[in-house]
């Protein structure tokens, strides 16, 4: 499922948790989580294996949030992921095996070796 919006005043991912069977979600800029509560909404998708989310949204992941089913994370070229955020990814996504997107060398170095990175 890909979620796109044509207006910048969209409601983010609110309501996606009704679709518990989702395995892949790609959120555009307007639908990306804009606060910790919206990340909590995404965390209810317990079968989610693939997630695409803009880089700035990763800054808003609340401490302690875990999405244990996510194996693949794509971060579109909206901006580079910082080393601090990259270092938090294994705690947020414990099953993470691959990331792709706009990561600089310092962010790649912050990832554990079992996570494959594809840089765009």
PDB file of N, CA and C in Angstrom:
ATOM      1  N   UNK A   1       0.847  -1.176   0.000  1.00  0.00           N
ATOM      2  CA  UNK A   1       0.000   0.000   0.000  1.00  0.00           C
ATOM      3  C   UNK A   1       0.887   1.230   0.000  1.00  0.00           C
ATOM      4  N   UNK A   2       0.656   2.137  -0.895  1.00  0.00           N
ATOM      5  CA  UNK A   2       1.345   3.416  -0.918  1.00  0.00           C
ATOM      6  C   UNK A   2       0.334   4.489  -0.560  1.00  0.00           C
ATOM      7  N   UNK A   3       0.740   5.391   0.321  1.00  0.00           N
ATOM      8  CA  UNK A   3      -0.155   6.451   0.757  1.00  0.00           C
ATOM      9  C   UNK A   3       0.431   7.780   0.291  1.00  0.00           C
ATOM     10  N   UNK A   4      -0.323   8.487  -0.500  1.00  0.00           N
ATOM     11  CA  UNK A   4       0.105   9.789  -0.996  1.00  0.00           C
ATOM     12  C   UNK A   4      -1.001  10.792  -0.731  1.00  0.00           C
ATOM     13  N   UNK A   5      -0.628  12.025  -0.632  1.00  0.00           N
ATOM     14  CA  UNK A   5      -1.620  13.076  -0.426  1.00  0.00           C
ATOM     15  C   UNK A   5      -1.288  14.227  -1.352  1.00  0.00           C
ATOM     16  N   UNK A   6      -2.313  14.937  -1.769  1.00  0.00           N
ATOM     17  CA  UNK A   6      -2.092  16.080  -2.643  1.00  0.00           C
ATOM     18  C   UNK A   6      -2.095  17.389  -1.878  1.00  0.00           C
ATOM     19  N   UNK A   7      -2.438  17.349  -0.602  1.00  0.00           N
ATOM     20  CA  UNK A   7      -2.458  18.575   0.186  1.00  0.00           C
ATOM     21  C   UNK A   7      -1.504  18.470   1.364  1.00  0.00           C
ATOM     22  N   UNK A   8      -0.809  19.535   1.712  1.00  0.00           N
ATOM     23  CA  UNK A   8       0.130  19.487   2.825  1.00  0.00           C
ATOM     24  C   UNK A   8      -0.549  19.455   4.186  1.00  0.00           C
ATOM     25  N   UNK A   9      -1.858  19.580   4.251  1.00  0.00           N
ATOM     26  CA  UNK A   9      -2.565  19.588   5.532  1.00  0.00           C
ATOM     27  C   UNK A   9      -3.185  18.233   5.850  1.00  0.00           C
ATOM     28  N   UNK A  10      -2.646  17.163   5.299  1.00  0.00           N
ATOM     29  CA  UNK A  10      -3.191  15.836   5.537  1.00  0.00           C
ATOM     30  C   UNK A  10      -3.007  15.418   6.986  1.00  0.00           C
ATOM     31  N   UNK A  11      -3.695  14.361   7.349  1.00  0.00           N
ATOM     32  CA  UNK A  11      -3.726  13.926   8.740  1.00  0.00           C
ATOM     33  C   UNK A  11      -2.612  12.956   9.101  1.00  0.00           C
ATOM     34  N   UNK A  12      -1.589  12.818   8.294  1.00  0.00           N
ATOM     35  CA  UNK A  12      -0.541  11.863   8.610  1.00  0.00           C
ATOM     36  C   UNK A  12      -1.073  10.446   8.507  1.00  0.00           C
ATOM     37  N   UNK A  13      -0.418   9.495   9.187  1.00  0.00           N
ATOM     38  CA  UNK A  13      -0.811   8.094   9.048  1.00  0.00           C
ATOM     39  C   UNK A  13      -1.963   7.673   9.965  1.00  0.00           C
ATOM     40  N   UNK A  14      -2.695   8.625  10.518  1.00  0.00           N
ATOM     41  CA  UNK A  14      -3.806   8.306  11.414  1.00  0.00           C
ATOM     42  C   UNK A  14      -4.804   7.413  10.685  1.00  0.00           C
ATOM     43  N   UNK A  15      -5.166   6.317  11.313  1.00  0.00           N
ATOM     44  CA  UNK A  15      -6.128   5.387  10.738  1.00  0.00           C
ATOM     45  C   UNK A  15      -5.513   4.188  10.052  1.00  0.00           C
ATOM     46  N   UNK A  16      -4.229   4.223   9.748  1.00  0.00           N
ATOM     47  CA  UNK A  16      -3.601   3.082   9.080  1.00  0.00           C
ATOM     48  C   UNK A  16      -3.635   1.823   9.933  1.00  0.00           C
ATOM     49  N   UNK A  17      -3.674   1.970  11.241  1.00  0.00           N
ATOM     50  CA  UNK A  17      -3.643   0.800  12.116  1.00  0.00           C
ATOM     51  C   UNK A  17      -4.881  -0.088  11.959  1.00  0.00           C
ATOM     52  N   UNK A  18      -5.915   0.409  11.296  1.00  0.00           N
ATOM     53  CA  UNK A  18      -7.098  -0.423  11.010  1.00  0.00           C
ATOM     54  C   UNK A  18      -6.749  -1.537  10.041  1.00  0.00           C
ATOM     55  N   UNK A  19      -5.676  -1.361   9.308  1.00  0.00           N
ATOM     56  CA  UNK A  19      -5.271  -2.319   8.275  1.00  0.00           C
ATOM     57  C   UNK A  19      -4.116  -3.158   8.803  1.00  0.00           C
ATOM     58  N   UNK A  20      -4.390  -3.959   9.818  1.00  0.00           N
ATOM     59  CA  UNK A  20      -3.356  -4.706  10.548  1.00  0.00           C
ATOM     60  C   UNK A  20      -2.540  -5.648   9.674  1.00  0.00           C
ATOM     61  N   UNK A  21      -3.057  -6.052   8.533  1.00  0.00           N
ATOM     62  CA  UNK A  21      -2.346  -6.990   7.670  1.00  0.00           C
ATOM     63  C   UNK A  21      -1.320  -6.354   6.747  1.00  0.00           C
ATOM     64  N   UNK A  22      -1.176  -5.037   6.786  1.00  0.00           N
ATOM     65  CA  UNK A  22      -0.232  -4.372   5.883  1.00  0.00           C
ATOM     66  C   UNK A  22       1.182  -4.894   6.096  1.00  0.00           C
ATOM     67  N   UNK A  23       1.849  -5.190   4.994  1.00  0.00           N
ATOM     68  CA  UNK A  23       3.233  -5.663   5.058  1.00  0.00           C
ATOM     69  C   UNK A  23       4.214  -4.638   4.491  1.00  0.00           C
ATOM     70  N   UNK A  24       3.704  -3.707   3.668  1.00  0.00           N
ATOM     71  CA  UNK A  24       4.560  -2.707   3.051  1.00  0.00           C
ATOM     72  C   UNK A  24       3.804  -1.377   2.998  1.00  0.00           C
ATOM     73  N   UNK A  25       4.455  -0.332   3.503  1.00  0.00           N
ATOM     74  CA  UNK A  25       3.842   1.001   3.498  1.00  0.00           C
ATOM     75  C   UNK A  25       4.895   2.007   3.052  1.00  0.00           C
ATOM     76  N   UNK A  26       4.520   2.846   2.106  1.00  0.00           N
ATOM     77  CA  UNK A  26       5.384   3.916   1.630  1.00  0.00           C
ATOM     78  C   UNK A  26       4.663   5.236   1.886  1.00  0.00           C
ATOM     79  N   UNK A  27       5.205   6.021   2.804  1.00  0.00           N
ATOM     80  CA  UNK A  27       4.565   7.275   3.198  1.00  0.00           C
ATOM     81  C   UNK A  27       5.285   8.456   2.564  1.00  0.00           C
ATOM     82  N   UNK A  28       4.546   9.268   1.835  1.00  0.00           N
ATOM     83  CA  UNK A  28       5.106  10.481   1.257  1.00  0.00           C
ATOM     84  C   UNK A  28       5.238  11.569   2.307  1.00  0.00           C
ATOM     85  N   UNK A  29       5.778  12.693   1.918  1.00  0.00           N
ATOM     86  CA  UNK A  29       6.021  13.811   2.842  1.00  0.00           C
ATOM     87  C   UNK A  29       4.778  14.211   3.642  1.00  0.00           C
ATOM     88  N   UNK A  30       3.630  14.288   2.985  1.00  0.00           N
ATOM     89  CA  UNK A  30       2.416  14.745   3.667  1.00  0.00           C
ATOM     90  C   UNK A  30       1.825  13.709   4.606  1.00  0.00           C
ATOM     91  N   UNK A  31       2.133  12.441   4.389  1.00  0.00           N
ATOM     92  CA  UNK A  31       1.578  11.379   5.221  1.00  0.00           C
ATOM     93  C   UNK A  31       2.569  10.851   6.239  1.00  0.00           C
ATOM     94  N   UNK A  32       3.760  11.372   6.286  1.00  0.00           N
ATOM     95  CA  UNK A  32       4.768  10.892   7.229  1.00  0.00           C
ATOM     96  C   UNK A  32       4.373  11.250   8.655  1.00  0.00           C
ATOM     97  N   UNK A  33       4.781  10.443   9.630  1.00  0.00           N
ATOM     98  CA  UNK A  33       4.483  10.772  11.026  1.00  0.00           C
ATOM     99  C   UNK A  33       5.075  12.130  11.400  1.00  0.00           C
ATOM    100  N   UNK A  34       4.243  12.963  12.027  1.00  0.00           N
ATOM    101  CA  UNK A  34       4.680  14.307  12.405  1.00  0.00           C
ATOM    102  C   UNK A  34       4.828  14.477  13.901  1.00  0.00           C
ATOM    103  N   UNK A  35       4.533  13.434  14.651  1.00  0.00           N
ATOM    104  CA  UNK A  35       4.691  13.502  16.100  1.00  0.00           C
ATOM    105  C   UNK A  35       4.753  12.072  16.652  1.00  0.00           C
ATOM    106  N   UNK A  36       5.127  11.911  17.926  1.00  0.00           N
ATOM    107  CA  UNK A  36       5.244  10.565  18.502  1.00  0.00           C
ATOM    108  C   UNK A  36       3.948   9.760  18.449  1.00  0.00           C
ATOM    109  N   UNK A  37       2.792  10.404  18.594  1.00  0.00           N
ATOM    110  CA  UNK A  37       1.515   9.681  18.552  1.00  0.00           C
ATOM    111  C   UNK A  37       1.301   9.026  17.185  1.00  0.00           C
ATOM    112  N   UNK A  38       1.721   9.689  16.132  1.00  0.00           N
ATOM    113  CA  UNK A  38       1.568   9.110  14.796  1.00  0.00           C
ATOM    114  C   UNK A  38       2.528   7.946  14.597  1.00  0.00           C
ATOM    115  N   UNK A  39       3.699   7.991  15.227  1.00  0.00           N
ATOM    116  CA  UNK A  39       4.603   6.828  15.210  1.00  0.00           C
ATOM    117  C   UNK A  39       3.964   5.673  15.980  1.00  0.00           C
ATOM    118  N   UNK A  40       3.283   5.967  17.080  1.00  0.00           N
ATOM    119  CA  UNK A  40       2.592   4.916  17.833  1.00  0.00           C
ATOM    120  C   UNK A  40       1.531   4.248  16.949  1.00  0.00           C
ATOM    121  N   UNK A  41       0.873   5.029  16.124  1.00  0.00           N
ATOM    122  CA  UNK A  41      -0.118   4.487  15.182  1.00  0.00           C
ATOM    123  C   UNK A  41       0.547   3.490  14.235  1.00  0.00           C
ATOM    124  N   UNK A  42       1.686   3.842  13.681  1.00  0.00           N
ATOM    125  CA  UNK A  42       2.393   2.931  12.772  1.00  0.00           C
ATOM    126  C   UNK A  42       2.863   1.677  13.491  1.00  0.00           C
ATOM    127  N   UNK A  43       3.260   1.808  14.742  1.00  0.00           N
ATOM    128  CA  UNK A  43       3.762   0.659  15.508  1.00  0.00           C
ATOM    129  C   UNK A  43       2.694  -0.409  15.706  1.00  0.00           C
ATOM    130  N   UNK A  44       1.436  -0.061  15.526  1.00  0.00           N
ATOM    131  CA  UNK A  44       0.353  -1.040  15.646  1.00  0.00           C
ATOM    132  C   UNK A  44       0.282  -1.976  14.443  1.00  0.00           C
ATOM    133  N   UNK A  45       1.021  -1.670  13.391  1.00  0.00           N
ATOM    134  CA  UNK A  45       1.064  -2.519  12.197  1.00  0.00           C
ATOM    135  C   UNK A  45       2.100  -3.621  12.430  1.00  0.00           C
ATOM    136  N   UNK A  46       1.703  -4.660  13.113  1.00  0.00           N
ATOM    137  CA  UNK A  46       2.636  -5.685  13.583  1.00  0.00           C
ATOM    138  C   UNK A  46       3.124  -6.641  12.498  1.00  0.00           C
ATOM    139  N   UNK A  47       2.575  -6.575  11.299  1.00  0.00           N
ATOM    140  CA  UNK A  47       3.050  -7.410  10.189  1.00  0.00           C
ATOM    141  C   UNK A  47       3.873  -6.619   9.183  1.00  0.00           C
ATOM    142  N   UNK A  48       4.075  -5.348   9.468  1.00  0.00           N
ATOM    143  CA  UNK A  48       4.784  -4.464   8.544  1.00  0.00           C
ATOM    144  C   UNK A  48       6.240  -4.903   8.401  1.00  0.00           C
ATOM    145  N   UNK A  49       6.650  -5.262   7.191  1.00  0.00           N
ATOM    146  CA  UNK A  49       8.017  -5.705   6.927  1.00  0.00           C
ATOM    147  C   UNK A  49       8.822  -4.641   6.191  1.00  0.00           C
ATOM    148  N   UNK A  50       8.150  -3.804   5.388  1.00  0.00           N
ATOM    149  CA  UNK A  50       8.828  -2.772   4.606  1.00  0.00           C
ATOM    150  C   UNK A  50       8.188  -1.423   4.892  1.00  0.00           C
ATOM    151  N   UNK A  51       9.033  -0.432   5.173  1.00  0.00           N
ATOM    152  CA  UNK A  51       8.546   0.915   5.462  1.00  0.00           C
ATOM    153  C   UNK A  51       9.399   1.925   4.718  1.00  0.00           C
ATOM    154  N   UNK A  52       8.741   2.836   4.032  1.00  0.00           N
ATOM    155  CA  UNK A  52       9.409   3.979   3.414  1.00  0.00           C
ATOM    156  C   UNK A  52       8.861   5.224   4.101  1.00  0.00           C
ATOM    157  N   UNK A  53       9.770   6.038   4.611  1.00  0.00           N
ATOM    158  CA  UNK A  53       9.374   7.232   5.354  1.00  0.00           C
ATOM    159  C   UNK A  53      10.428   8.312   5.139  1.00  0.00           C
ATOM    160  N   UNK A  54      10.025   9.565   4.967  1.00  0.00           N
ATOM    161  CA  UNK A  54      11.006  10.642   4.790  1.00  0.00           C
ATOM    162  C   UNK A  54      11.917  10.777   6.017  1.00  0.00           C
ATOM    163  N   UNK A  55      13.161  11.159   5.773  1.00  0.00           N
ATOM    164  CA  UNK A  55      14.159  11.299   6.831  1.00  0.00           C
ATOM    165  C   UNK A  55      13.746  12.145   8.015  1.00  0.00           C
ATOM    166  N   UNK A  56      13.138  13.317   7.815  1.00  0.00           N
ATOM    167  CA  UNK A  56      12.768  14.148   8.967  1.00  0.00           C
ATOM    168  C   UNK A  56      11.823  13.451   9.947  1.00  0.00           C
ATOM    169  N   UNK A  57      11.004  12.532   9.456  1.00  0.00           N
ATOM    170  CA  UNK A  57      10.075  11.827  10.347  1.00  0.00           C
ATOM    171  C   UNK A  57      10.822  10.935  11.338  1.00  0.00           C
ATOM    172  N   UNK A  58      11.991  10.435  10.955  1.00  0.00           N
ATOM    173  CA  UNK A  58      12.755   9.573  11.857  1.00  0.00           C
ATOM    174  C   UNK A  58      13.230  10.320  13.097  1.00  0.00           C
ATOM    175  N   UNK A  59      13.375  11.631  12.996  1.00  0.00           N
ATOM    176  CA  UNK A  59      13.761  12.436  14.157  1.00  0.00           C
ATOM    177  C   UNK A  59      12.680  12.433  15.233  1.00  0.00           C
ATOM    178  N   UNK A  60      11.456  12.072  14.862  1.00  0.00           N
ATOM    179  CA  UNK A  60      10.307  12.162  15.766  1.00  0.00           C
ATOM    180  C   UNK A  60       9.918  10.833  16.406  1.00  0.00           C
ATOM    181  N   UNK A  61      10.686   9.780  16.132  1.00  0.00           N
ATOM    182  CA  UNK A  61      10.382   8.487  16.743  1.00  0.00           C
ATOM    183  C   UNK A  61      10.570   8.609  18.250  1.00  0.00           C
ATOM    184  N   UNK A  62       9.528   8.285  19.030  1.00  0.00           N
ATOM    185  CA  UNK A  62       9.657   8.435  20.483  1.00  0.00           C
ATOM    186  C   UNK A  62      10.575   7.372  21.095  1.00  0.00           C
ATOM    187  N   UNK A  63      11.234   7.724  22.170  1.00  0.00           N
ATOM    188  CA  UNK A  63      12.063   6.767  22.896  1.00  0.00           C
ATOM    189  C   UNK A  63      11.208   5.581  23.306  1.00  0.00           C
ATOM    190  N   UNK A  64      11.760   4.398  23.150  1.00  0.00           N
ATOM    191  CA  UNK A  64      11.072   3.181  23.564  1.00  0.00           C
ATOM    192  C   UNK A  64      10.156   2.580  22.522  1.00  0.00           C
ATOM    193  N   UNK A  65       9.899   3.278  21.412  1.00  0.00           N
ATOM    194  CA  UNK A  65       9.035   2.726  20.372  1.00  0.00           C
ATOM    195  C   UNK A  65       9.784   1.614  19.652  1.00  0.00           C
ATOM    196  N   UNK A  66       9.102   0.525  19.409  1.00  0.00           N
ATOM    197  CA  UNK A  66       9.701  -0.585  18.685  1.00  0.00           C
ATOM    198  C   UNK A  66       8.737  -1.076  17.623  1.00  0.00           C
ATOM    199  N   UNK A  67       9.284  -1.322  16.451  1.00  0.00           N
ATOM    200  CA  UNK A  67       8.523  -1.895  15.345  1.00  0.00           C
ATOM    201  C   UNK A  67       9.274  -3.167  14.933  1.00  0.00           C
ATOM    202  N   UNK A  68       9.077  -4.268  15.678  1.00  0.00           N
ATOM    203  CA  UNK A  68       9.913  -5.454  15.530  1.00  0.00           C
ATOM    204  C   UNK A  68       9.757  -6.236  14.233  1.00  0.00           C
ATOM    205  N   UNK A  69       8.740  -5.957  13.440  1.00  0.00           N
ATOM    206  CA  UNK A  69       8.566  -6.706  12.195  1.00  0.00           C
ATOM    207  C   UNK A  69       9.226  -6.046  10.991  1.00  0.00           C
ATOM    208  N   UNK A  70       9.631  -4.795  11.100  1.00  0.00           N
ATOM    209  CA  UNK A  70      10.199  -4.074   9.953  1.00  0.00           C
ATOM    210  C   UNK A  70      11.608  -4.591   9.661  1.00  0.00           C
ATOM    211  N   UNK A  71      11.775  -5.096   8.430  1.00  0.00           N
ATOM    212  CA  UNK A  71      13.060  -5.626   7.984  1.00  0.00           C
ATOM    213  C   UNK A  71      13.756  -4.716   6.986  1.00  0.00           C
ATOM    214  N   UNK A  72      12.965  -3.935   6.252  1.00  0.00           N
ATOM    215  CA  UNK A  72      13.512  -3.046   5.232  1.00  0.00           C
ATOM    216  C   UNK A  72      13.001  -1.633   5.465  1.00  0.00           C
ATOM    217  N   UNK A  73      13.927  -0.682   5.446  1.00  0.00           N
ATOM    218  CA  UNK A  73      13.581   0.725   5.633  1.00  0.00           C
ATOM    219  C   UNK A  73      14.155   1.522   4.475  1.00  0.00           C
ATOM    220  N   UNK A  74      13.294   2.318   3.852  1.00  0.00           N
ATOM    221  CA  UNK A  74      13.749   3.204   2.784  1.00  0.00           C
ATOM    222  C   UNK A  74      13.496   4.639   3.221  1.00  0.00           C
ATOM    223  N   UNK A  75      14.518   5.460   3.073  1.00  0.00           N
ATOM    224  CA  UNK A  75      14.423   6.874   3.424  1.00  0.00           C
ATOM    225  C   UNK A  75      14.677   7.674   2.149  1.00  0.00           C
ATOM    226  N   UNK A  76      13.613   8.239   1.553  1.00  0.00           N
ATOM    227  CA  UNK A  76      13.795   9.014   0.325  1.00  0.00           C
ATOM    228  C   UNK A  76      14.770  10.174   0.522  1.00  0.00           C
ATOM    229  N   UNK A  77      15.221  10.743  -0.556  1.00  0.00           N
ATOM    230  CA  UNK A  77      16.269  11.767  -0.547  1.00  0.00           C
ATOM    231  C   UNK A  77      15.837  13.107   0.017  1.00  0.00           C
ATOM    232  N   UNK A  78      14.924  13.139   0.938  1.00  0.00           N
ATOM    233  CA  UNK A  78      14.477  14.415   1.480  1.00  0.00           C
ATOM    234  C   UNK A  78      15.591  15.128   2.245  1.00  0.00           C
ATOM    235  N   UNK A  79      16.432  14.393   2.918  1.00  0.00           N
ATOM    236  CA  UNK A  79      17.637  14.921   3.558  1.00  0.00           C
ATOM    237  C   UNK A  79      18.406  13.752   4.128  1.00  0.00           C
ATOM    238  N   UNK A  80      19.645  13.956   4.388  1.00  0.00           N
ATOM    239  CA  UNK A  80      20.480  12.886   4.903  1.00  0.00           C
ATOM    240  C   UNK A  80      20.087  12.516   6.333  1.00  0.00           C
ATOM    241  N   UNK A  81      20.170  11.232   6.637  1.00  0.00           N
ATOM    242  CA  UNK A  81      19.913  10.737   7.987  1.00  0.00           C
ATOM    243  C   UNK A  81      21.160  10.991   8.824  1.00  0.00           C
ATOM    244  N   UNK A  82      20.989  11.557  10.000  1.00  0.00           N
ATOM    245  CA  UNK A  82      22.136  11.856  10.860  1.00  0.00           C
ATOM    246  C   UNK A  82      22.684  10.572  11.479  1.00  0.00           C
ATOM    247  N   UNK A  83      23.950  10.582  11.896  1.00  0.00           N
ATOM    248  CA  UNK A  83      24.515   9.411  12.577  1.00  0.00           C
ATOM    249  C   UNK A  83      23.751   9.066  13.855  1.00  0.00           C
ATOM    250  N   UNK A  84      23.255  10.072  14.563  1.00  0.00           N
ATOM    251  CA  UNK A  84      22.500   9.817  15.797  1.00  0.00           C
ATOM    252  C   UNK A  84      21.213   9.042  15.501  1.00  0.00           C
ATOM    253  N   UNK A  85      20.500   9.467  14.470  1.00  0.00           N
ATOM    254  CA  UNK A  85      19.261   8.776  14.093  1.00  0.00           C
ATOM    255  C   UNK A  85      19.589   7.381  13.573  1.00  0.00           C
ATOM    256  N   UNK A  86      20.614   7.258  12.746  1.00  0.00           N
ATOM    257  CA  UNK A  86      21.000   5.943  12.225  1.00  0.00           C
ATOM    258  C   UNK A  86      21.364   4.995  13.369  1.00  0.00           C
ATOM    259  N   UNK A  87      22.016   5.502  14.397  1.00  0.00           N
ATOM    260  CA  UNK A  87      22.388   4.686  15.538  1.00  0.00           C
ATOM    261  C   UNK A  87      21.194   4.172  16.329  1.00  0.00           C
ATOM    262  N   UNK A  88      20.065   4.880  16.252  1.00  0.00           N
ATOM    263  CA  UNK A  88      18.846   4.465  16.955  1.00  0.00           C
ATOM    264  C   UNK A  88      18.028   3.442  16.166  1.00  0.00           C
ATOM    265  N   UNK A  89      18.277   3.321  14.878  1.00  0.00           N
ATOM    266  CA  UNK A  89      17.444   2.458  14.038  1.00  0.00           C
ATOM    267  C   UNK A  89      17.371   1.009  14.523  1.00  0.00           C
ATOM    268  N   UNK A  90      18.464   0.376  14.949  1.00  0.00           N
ATOM    269  CA  UNK A  90      18.353  -1.013  15.409  1.00  0.00           C
ATOM    270  C   UNK A  90      17.455  -1.189  16.634  1.00  0.00           C
ATOM    271  N   UNK A  91      17.367  -0.197  17.492  1.00  0.00           N
ATOM    272  CA  UNK A  91      16.476  -0.298  18.647  1.00  0.00           C
ATOM    273  C   UNK A  91      15.017  -0.138  18.233  1.00  0.00           C
ATOM    274  N   UNK A  92      14.764   0.744  17.291  1.00  0.00           N
ATOM    275  CA  UNK A  92      13.396   0.985  16.821  1.00  0.00           C
ATOM    276  C   UNK A  92      12.932  -0.166  15.932  1.00  0.00           C
ATOM    277  N   UNK A  93      13.829  -0.658  15.095  1.00  0.00           N
ATOM    278  CA  UNK A  93      13.517  -1.728  14.141  1.00  0.00           C
ATOM    279  C   UNK A  93      14.454  -2.909  14.396  1.00  0.00           C
ATOM    280  N   UNK A  94      14.215  -3.715  15.423  1.00  0.00           N
ATOM    281  CA  UNK A  94      15.157  -4.778  15.791  1.00  0.00           C
ATOM    282  C   UNK A  94      15.370  -5.848  14.719  1.00  0.00           C
ATOM    283  N   UNK A  95      14.429  -6.042  13.809  1.00  0.00           N
ATOM    284  CA  UNK A  95      14.582  -7.034  12.738  1.00  0.00           C
ATOM    285  C   UNK A  95      15.183  -6.423  11.473  1.00  0.00           C
ATOM    286  N   UNK A  96      15.576  -5.162  11.528  1.00  0.00           N
ATOM    287  CA  UNK A  96      16.064  -4.444  10.343  1.00  0.00           C
ATOM    288  C   UNK A  96      17.263  -5.156   9.736  1.00  0.00           C
ATOM    289  N   UNK A  97      17.159  -5.424   8.425  1.00  0.00           N
ATOM    290  CA  UNK A  97      18.243  -6.080   7.692  1.00  0.00           C
ATOM    291  C   UNK A  97      18.804  -5.210   6.578  1.00  0.00           C
ATOM    292  N   UNK A  98      17.991  -4.242   6.117  1.00  0.00           N
ATOM    293  CA  UNK A  98      18.490  -3.379   5.049  1.00  0.00           C
ATOM    294  C   UNK A  98      17.866  -1.992   5.145  1.00  0.00           C
ATOM    295  N   UNK A  99      18.686  -1.005   4.809  1.00  0.00           N
ATOM    296  CA  UNK A  99      18.234   0.376   4.705  1.00  0.00           C
ATOM    297  C   UNK A  99      18.672   0.903   3.354  1.00  0.00           C
ATOM    298  N   UNK A 100      17.890   1.805   2.825  1.00  0.00           N
ATOM    299  CA  UNK A 100      18.277   2.454   1.582  1.00  0.00           C
ATOM    300  C   UNK A 100      17.845   3.901   1.664  1.00  0.00           C
ATOM    301  N   UNK A 101      18.545   4.720   0.927  1.00  0.00           N
ATOM    302  CA  UNK A 101      18.208   6.132   0.911  1.00  0.00           C
ATOM    303  C   UNK A 101      19.433   7.000   1.010  1.00  0.00           C
ATOM    304  N   UNK A 102      19.242   8.163   1.604  1.00  0.00           N
ATOM    305  CA  UNK A 102      20.279   9.180   1.655  1.00  0.00           C
ATOM    306  C   UNK A 102      20.998   9.132   3.006  1.00  0.00           C
ATOM    307  N   UNK A 103      22.039   8.330   3.082  1.00  0.00           N
ATOM    308  CA  UNK A 103      22.852   8.166   4.285  1.00  0.00           C
ATOM    309  C   UNK A 103      24.271   8.597   3.948  1.00  0.00           C
ATOM    310  N   UNK A 104      24.878   9.385   4.817  1.00  0.00           N
ATOM    311  CA  UNK A 104      26.277   9.727   4.582  1.00  0.00           C
ATOM    312  C   UNK A 104      27.164   8.681   5.265  1.00  0.00           C
ATOM    313  N   UNK A 105      28.484   8.803   5.092  1.00  0.00           N
ATOM    314  CA  UNK A 105      29.411   7.806   5.627  1.00  0.00           C
ATOM    315  C   UNK A 105      29.307   7.670   7.142  1.00  0.00           C
ATOM    316  N   UNK A 106      29.113   8.777   7.853  1.00  0.00           N
ATOM    317  CA  UNK A 106      29.009   8.719   9.312  1.00  0.00           C
ATOM    318  C   UNK A 106      27.750   7.968   9.740  1.00  0.00           C
ATOM    319  N   UNK A 107      26.661   8.141   9.019  1.00  0.00           N
ATOM    320  CA  UNK A 107      25.425   7.427   9.349  1.00  0.00           C
ATOM    321  C   UNK A 107      25.583   5.936   9.079  1.00  0.00           C
ATOM    322  N   UNK A 108      26.234   5.591   7.973  1.00  0.00           N
ATOM    323  CA  UNK A 108      26.484   4.182   7.665  1.00  0.00           C
ATOM    324  C   UNK A 108      27.347   3.553   8.752  1.00  0.00           C
ATOM    325  N   UNK A 109      28.348   4.279   9.214  1.00  0.00           N
ATOM    326  CA  UNK A 109      29.243   3.761  10.263  1.00  0.00           C
ATOM    327  C   UNK A 109      28.490   3.536  11.575  1.00  0.00           C
ATOM    328  N   UNK A 110      27.392   4.241  11.799  1.00  0.00           N
ATOM    329  CA  UNK A 110      26.617   4.095  13.037  1.00  0.00           C
ATOM    330  C   UNK A 110      25.725   2.859  13.014  1.00  0.00           C
ATOM    331  N   UNK A 111      25.571   2.231  11.852  1.00  0.00           N
ATOM    332  CA  UNK A 111      24.739   1.036  11.744  1.00  0.00           C
ATOM    333  C   UNK A 111      25.548  -0.211  12.085  1.00  0.00           C
ATOM    334  N   UNK A 112      24.934  -1.204  12.712  1.00  0.00           N
ATOM    335  CA  UNK A 112      25.643  -2.456  12.960  1.00  0.00           C
ATOM    336  C   UNK A 112      25.939  -3.167  11.641  1.00  0.00           C
ATOM    337  N   UNK A 113      26.953  -4.009  11.608  1.00  0.00           N
ATOM    338  CA  UNK A 113      27.372  -4.636  10.347  1.00  0.00           C
ATOM    339  C   UNK A 113      26.333  -5.556   9.711  1.00  0.00           C
ATOM    340  N   UNK A 114      25.362  -6.057  10.457  1.00  0.00           N
ATOM    341  CA  UNK A 114      24.363  -6.965   9.868  1.00  0.00           C
ATOM    342  C   UNK A 114      23.311  -6.221   9.053  1.00  0.00           C
ATOM    343  N   UNK A 115      23.297  -4.896   9.097  1.00  0.00           N
ATOM    344  CA  UNK A 115      22.332  -4.116   8.317  1.00  0.00           C
ATOM    345  C   UNK A 115      23.003  -3.655   7.032  1.00  0.00           C
ATOM    346  N   UNK A 116      22.454  -4.117   5.923  1.00  0.00           N
ATOM    347  CA  UNK A 116      22.975  -3.757   4.607  1.00  0.00           C
ATOM    348  C   UNK A 116      22.452  -2.383   4.218  1.00  0.00           C
ATOM    349  N   UNK A 117      23.334  -1.502   3.779  1.00  0.00           N
ATOM    350  CA  UNK A 117      22.936  -0.143   3.403  1.00  0.00           C
ATOM    351  C   UNK A 117      23.136   0.058   1.898  1.00  0.00           C
ATOM    352  N   UNK A 118      22.112   0.611   1.267  1.00  0.00           N
ATOM    353  CA  UNK A 118      22.175   1.002  -0.122  1.00  0.00           C
ATOM    354  C   UNK A 118      21.983   2.496  -0.156  1.00  0.00           C
ATOM    355  N   UNK A 119      22.991   3.201  -0.641  1.00  0.00           N
ATOM    356  CA  UNK A 119      22.980   4.665  -0.592  1.00  0.00           C
ATOM    357  C   UNK A 119      22.533   5.213  -1.935  1.00  0.00           C
ATOM    358  N   UNK A 120      21.629   6.189  -1.868  1.00  0.00           N
ATOM    359  CA  UNK A 120      21.180   6.840  -3.105  1.00  0.00           C
ATOM    360  C   UNK A 120      21.587   8.286  -3.119  1.00  0.00           C
TER     361      UNK A 120
END
